[in-house]
């Protein structure tokens, strides 16, 4: 998967299914201040109470999760290939 800007329009994206019972547990950390050159590449639909963002910044990538009524959390920064793989697993319900 190549990390490029998404097609579509704002506020609409994938609907993330409920995670599988054996889904990988993602290590979420408190969100840090956004980098100057942060670029959101993909996002899930905002019609849900939980929204995920695939972000590229400073030559690395990470996923940010926002839930209604909770503080934002992020994954650690990782290589683009690794974050693209994690993004796919989240969208397939294989990670949570």
N, C-alpha and C. Protein backbone atom coordinates (compact mmCIF):
# COMPACT_ATOMS: atom_id res chain seq x y z
N UNK A 1 0.85 -1.18 0.00
CA UNK A 1 0.00 0.00 0.00
C UNK A 1 0.89 1.24 0.00
N UNK A 2 0.67 2.13 -0.92
CA UNK A 2 1.42 3.37 -1.00
C UNK A 2 0.68 4.45 -0.23
N UNK A 3 1.39 5.23 0.57
CA UNK A 3 0.75 6.29 1.35
C UNK A 3 0.65 7.55 0.50
N UNK A 4 -0.55 7.82 0.03
CA UNK A 4 -0.82 9.02 -0.76
C UNK A 4 -2.09 9.66 -0.24
N UNK A 5 -2.34 10.89 -0.65
CA UNK A 5 -3.56 11.58 -0.21
C UNK A 5 -4.79 10.82 -0.67
N UNK A 6 -5.83 10.87 0.11
CA UNK A 6 -7.04 10.12 -0.16
C UNK A 6 -7.89 10.78 -1.24
N UNK A 7 -8.74 9.98 -1.83
CA UNK A 7 -9.75 10.50 -2.73
C UNK A 7 -11.05 10.55 -1.94
N UNK A 8 -12.01 11.29 -2.40
CA UNK A 8 -13.27 11.40 -1.67
C UNK A 8 -13.45 12.81 -1.18
N UNK A 9 -14.25 12.96 -0.14
CA UNK A 9 -14.49 14.29 0.39
C UNK A 9 -14.42 14.26 1.91
N UNK A 10 -14.30 15.43 2.49
CA UNK A 10 -14.13 15.54 3.94
C UNK A 10 -15.33 14.93 4.68
N UNK A 11 -15.05 14.43 5.86
CA UNK A 11 -16.05 13.89 6.78
C UNK A 11 -16.64 12.54 6.34
N UNK A 12 -16.14 11.96 5.30
CA UNK A 12 -16.64 10.64 4.92
C UNK A 12 -15.46 9.72 4.65
N UNK A 13 -15.54 8.54 5.17
CA UNK A 13 -14.48 7.57 4.99
C UNK A 13 -15.00 6.18 5.28
N UNK A 14 -14.08 5.27 5.53
CA UNK A 14 -14.44 3.88 5.80
C UNK A 14 -15.23 3.75 7.10
N UNK A 15 -16.10 2.76 7.16
CA UNK A 15 -16.76 2.39 8.40
C UNK A 15 -16.00 1.21 8.98
N UNK A 16 -15.41 1.41 10.15
CA UNK A 16 -14.60 0.38 10.78
C UNK A 16 -15.53 -0.63 11.44
N UNK A 17 -15.35 -1.92 11.14
CA UNK A 17 -16.21 -2.94 11.77
C UNK A 17 -15.81 -3.15 13.23
N UNK A 18 -16.65 -3.86 13.96
CA UNK A 18 -16.27 -4.26 15.31
C UNK A 18 -15.06 -5.17 15.19
N UNK A 19 -14.11 -5.04 16.12
CA UNK A 19 -12.92 -5.88 16.04
C UNK A 19 -13.25 -7.37 16.22
N UNK A 20 -12.48 -8.21 15.57
CA UNK A 20 -12.61 -9.66 15.75
C UNK A 20 -12.27 -9.99 17.19
N UNK A 21 -12.74 -11.12 17.67
CA UNK A 21 -12.44 -11.53 19.05
C UNK A 21 -10.94 -11.69 19.29
N UNK A 22 -10.24 -12.15 18.28
CA UNK A 22 -8.79 -12.37 18.43
C UNK A 22 -7.97 -11.20 17.87
N UNK A 23 -8.58 -10.01 17.79
CA UNK A 23 -7.90 -8.84 17.22
C UNK A 23 -6.68 -8.46 18.04
N UNK A 24 -5.66 -8.04 17.32
CA UNK A 24 -4.42 -7.54 17.93
C UNK A 24 -4.74 -6.28 18.74
N UNK A 25 -4.16 -6.18 19.92
CA UNK A 25 -4.32 -4.97 20.73
C UNK A 25 -3.26 -3.96 20.34
N UNK A 26 -3.70 -2.80 19.93
CA UNK A 26 -2.79 -1.73 19.52
C UNK A 26 -2.38 -0.96 20.77
N UNK A 27 -1.13 -0.59 20.85
CA UNK A 27 -0.66 0.22 21.98
C UNK A 27 -0.92 1.69 21.67
N UNK A 28 -1.89 2.26 22.37
CA UNK A 28 -2.25 3.66 22.18
C UNK A 28 -1.57 4.50 23.25
N UNK A 29 -1.08 5.66 22.84
CA UNK A 29 -0.39 6.59 23.74
C UNK A 29 -1.13 7.93 23.70
N UNK A 30 -1.01 8.75 24.76
CA UNK A 30 -1.63 10.08 24.71
C UNK A 30 -1.13 10.85 23.49
N UNK A 31 -2.03 11.58 22.87
CA UNK A 31 -1.67 12.36 21.68
C UNK A 31 -0.68 13.46 22.04
N UNK A 32 0.28 13.65 21.16
CA UNK A 32 1.26 14.72 21.32
C UNK A 32 0.86 15.91 20.44
N UNK A 33 1.52 17.02 20.63
CA UNK A 33 1.24 18.20 19.80
C UNK A 33 1.51 17.85 18.33
N UNK A 34 0.66 18.33 17.46
CA UNK A 34 0.80 18.04 16.03
C UNK A 34 2.06 18.67 15.46
N UNK A 35 2.71 17.95 14.59
CA UNK A 35 3.90 18.46 13.91
C UNK A 35 3.50 19.58 12.94
N UNK A 36 4.46 20.41 12.59
CA UNK A 36 4.20 21.52 11.67
C UNK A 36 3.75 21.03 10.30
N UNK A 37 4.28 19.91 9.86
CA UNK A 37 3.99 19.42 8.51
C UNK A 37 3.20 18.12 8.55
N UNK A 38 2.26 18.03 9.42
CA UNK A 38 1.40 16.85 9.56
C UNK A 38 0.44 16.78 8.37
N UNK A 39 0.30 15.59 7.82
CA UNK A 39 -0.61 15.42 6.69
C UNK A 39 -1.51 14.21 6.94
N UNK A 40 -2.81 14.44 7.03
CA UNK A 40 -3.77 13.36 7.21
C UNK A 40 -4.02 12.74 5.83
N UNK A 41 -3.69 11.46 5.70
CA UNK A 41 -3.80 10.78 4.41
C UNK A 41 -5.13 10.07 4.22
N UNK A 42 -5.63 9.48 5.29
CA UNK A 42 -6.89 8.73 5.25
C UNK A 42 -7.61 8.93 6.58
N UNK A 43 -8.90 8.68 6.58
CA UNK A 43 -9.68 8.77 7.81
C UNK A 43 -10.88 7.87 7.70
N UNK A 44 -11.46 7.55 8.83
CA UNK A 44 -12.68 6.76 8.82
C UNK A 44 -13.86 7.71 8.98
N UNK A 45 -15.05 7.20 8.78
CA UNK A 45 -16.25 8.04 8.73
C UNK A 45 -16.55 8.68 10.09
N UNK A 46 -16.86 9.96 10.05
CA UNK A 46 -17.17 10.71 11.27
C UNK A 46 -18.60 10.47 11.76
N UNK A 47 -19.35 9.62 11.09
CA UNK A 47 -20.70 9.31 11.57
C UNK A 47 -20.63 8.37 12.78
N UNK A 48 -19.46 7.81 13.04
CA UNK A 48 -19.24 6.92 14.18
C UNK A 48 -18.66 7.70 15.35
N UNK A 49 -18.79 7.16 16.54
CA UNK A 49 -18.25 7.85 17.72
C UNK A 49 -16.74 7.66 17.85
N UNK A 50 -16.18 6.77 17.04
CA UNK A 50 -14.74 6.52 17.05
C UNK A 50 -14.22 6.76 15.63
N UNK A 51 -13.25 7.66 15.50
CA UNK A 51 -12.71 8.01 14.19
C UNK A 51 -11.20 7.79 14.22
N UNK A 52 -10.67 7.18 13.16
CA UNK A 52 -9.24 6.93 13.03
C UNK A 52 -8.69 7.80 11.90
N UNK A 53 -7.45 8.27 12.08
CA UNK A 53 -6.77 9.07 11.07
C UNK A 53 -5.41 8.45 10.80
N UNK A 54 -5.08 8.27 9.54
CA UNK A 54 -3.76 7.82 9.12
C UNK A 54 -2.96 9.08 8.80
N UNK A 55 -1.87 9.29 9.52
CA UNK A 55 -1.13 10.55 9.45
C UNK A 55 0.31 10.30 9.03
N UNK A 56 0.84 11.21 8.22
CA UNK A 56 2.26 11.21 7.85
C UNK A 56 2.85 12.53 8.33
N UNK A 57 4.01 12.43 9.01
CA UNK A 57 4.66 13.63 9.51
C UNK A 57 6.13 13.34 9.77
N UNK A 58 6.99 14.21 9.34
CA UNK A 58 8.41 14.07 9.63
C UNK A 58 9.03 12.79 9.09
N UNK A 59 8.53 12.30 7.96
CA UNK A 59 9.09 11.09 7.36
C UNK A 59 8.62 9.81 8.01
N UNK A 60 7.71 9.89 8.95
CA UNK A 60 7.18 8.72 9.64
C UNK A 60 5.65 8.77 9.57
N UNK A 61 5.01 7.71 10.01
CA UNK A 61 3.56 7.67 10.01
C UNK A 61 3.04 7.20 11.36
N UNK A 62 1.78 7.51 11.62
CA UNK A 62 1.12 7.03 12.83
C UNK A 62 -0.38 7.08 12.63
N UNK A 63 -1.11 6.46 13.54
CA UNK A 63 -2.57 6.48 13.51
C UNK A 63 -3.05 7.20 14.75
N UNK A 64 -4.00 8.09 14.54
CA UNK A 64 -4.61 8.80 15.67
C UNK A 64 -6.04 8.30 15.80
N UNK A 65 -6.48 8.10 17.05
CA UNK A 65 -7.85 7.66 17.30
C UNK A 65 -8.54 8.71 18.16
N UNK A 66 -9.74 9.08 17.74
CA UNK A 66 -10.55 10.04 18.50
C UNK A 66 -11.87 9.38 18.84
N UNK A 67 -12.22 9.44 20.12
CA UNK A 67 -13.51 8.92 20.59
C UNK A 67 -14.26 10.06 21.26
N UNK A 68 -15.56 10.09 21.07
CA UNK A 68 -16.38 11.12 21.69
C UNK A 68 -16.22 11.04 23.21
N UNK A 69 -15.92 12.17 23.82
CA UNK A 69 -15.82 12.23 25.27
C UNK A 69 -14.52 11.73 25.86
N UNK A 70 -13.54 11.39 25.02
CA UNK A 70 -12.24 10.91 25.49
C UNK A 70 -11.12 11.73 24.86
N UNK A 71 -9.96 11.70 25.51
CA UNK A 71 -8.78 12.37 24.95
C UNK A 71 -8.28 11.60 23.73
N UNK A 72 -7.73 12.30 22.76
CA UNK A 72 -7.18 11.67 21.56
C UNK A 72 -5.95 10.84 21.94
N UNK A 73 -5.77 9.73 21.23
CA UNK A 73 -4.60 8.88 21.42
C UNK A 73 -3.97 8.59 20.07
N UNK A 74 -2.69 8.18 20.10
CA UNK A 74 -1.95 7.90 18.86
C UNK A 74 -1.09 6.67 19.06
N UNK A 75 -0.72 6.08 17.93
CA UNK A 75 0.28 5.02 17.97
C UNK A 75 1.66 5.68 18.00
N UNK A 76 2.66 4.91 18.24
CA UNK A 76 4.03 5.41 18.11
C UNK A 76 4.29 5.74 16.65
N UNK A 77 5.26 6.58 16.39
CA UNK A 77 5.67 6.87 15.01
C UNK A 77 6.38 5.63 14.47
N UNK A 78 6.10 5.29 13.23
CA UNK A 78 6.70 4.10 12.63
C UNK A 78 6.93 4.32 11.14
N UNK A 79 7.64 3.37 10.55
CA UNK A 79 7.87 3.45 9.10
C UNK A 79 6.53 3.40 8.37
N UNK A 80 6.49 4.01 7.19
CA UNK A 80 5.23 4.06 6.44
C UNK A 80 4.68 2.68 6.11
N UNK A 81 5.53 1.73 5.79
CA UNK A 81 5.05 0.38 5.48
C UNK A 81 4.37 -0.25 6.70
N UNK A 82 4.93 -0.01 7.88
CA UNK A 82 4.36 -0.58 9.10
C UNK A 82 3.02 0.06 9.45
N UNK A 83 2.93 1.38 9.33
CA UNK A 83 1.68 2.05 9.67
C UNK A 83 0.60 1.73 8.64
N UNK A 84 0.97 1.56 7.38
CA UNK A 84 0.00 1.18 6.35
C UNK A 84 -0.57 -0.20 6.64
N UNK A 85 0.27 -1.12 7.10
CA UNK A 85 -0.18 -2.45 7.46
C UNK A 85 -1.12 -2.41 8.66
N UNK A 86 -0.78 -1.63 9.68
CA UNK A 86 -1.64 -1.49 10.85
C UNK A 86 -2.97 -0.86 10.47
N UNK A 87 -2.95 0.15 9.63
CA UNK A 87 -4.17 0.81 9.15
C UNK A 87 -5.10 -0.23 8.51
N UNK A 88 -4.55 -1.06 7.67
CA UNK A 88 -5.36 -2.09 7.00
C UNK A 88 -5.95 -3.07 8.02
N UNK A 89 -5.16 -3.47 9.00
CA UNK A 89 -5.66 -4.40 10.01
C UNK A 89 -6.78 -3.78 10.83
N UNK A 90 -6.69 -2.49 11.14
CA UNK A 90 -7.78 -1.81 11.86
C UNK A 90 -9.04 -1.81 11.01
N UNK A 91 -8.90 -1.48 9.71
CA UNK A 91 -10.07 -1.42 8.82
C UNK A 91 -10.72 -2.77 8.62
N UNK A 92 -9.96 -3.84 8.79
CA UNK A 92 -10.49 -5.20 8.63
C UNK A 92 -10.96 -5.81 9.95
N UNK A 93 -10.84 -5.06 11.05
CA UNK A 93 -11.25 -5.59 12.34
C UNK A 93 -10.24 -6.53 12.95
N UNK A 94 -9.03 -6.55 12.42
CA UNK A 94 -7.99 -7.44 12.92
C UNK A 94 -7.13 -6.79 14.00
N UNK A 95 -7.31 -5.51 14.25
CA UNK A 95 -6.58 -4.78 15.29
C UNK A 95 -7.53 -3.77 15.91
N UNK A 96 -7.28 -3.48 17.20
CA UNK A 96 -8.14 -2.49 17.88
C UNK A 96 -7.34 -1.71 18.89
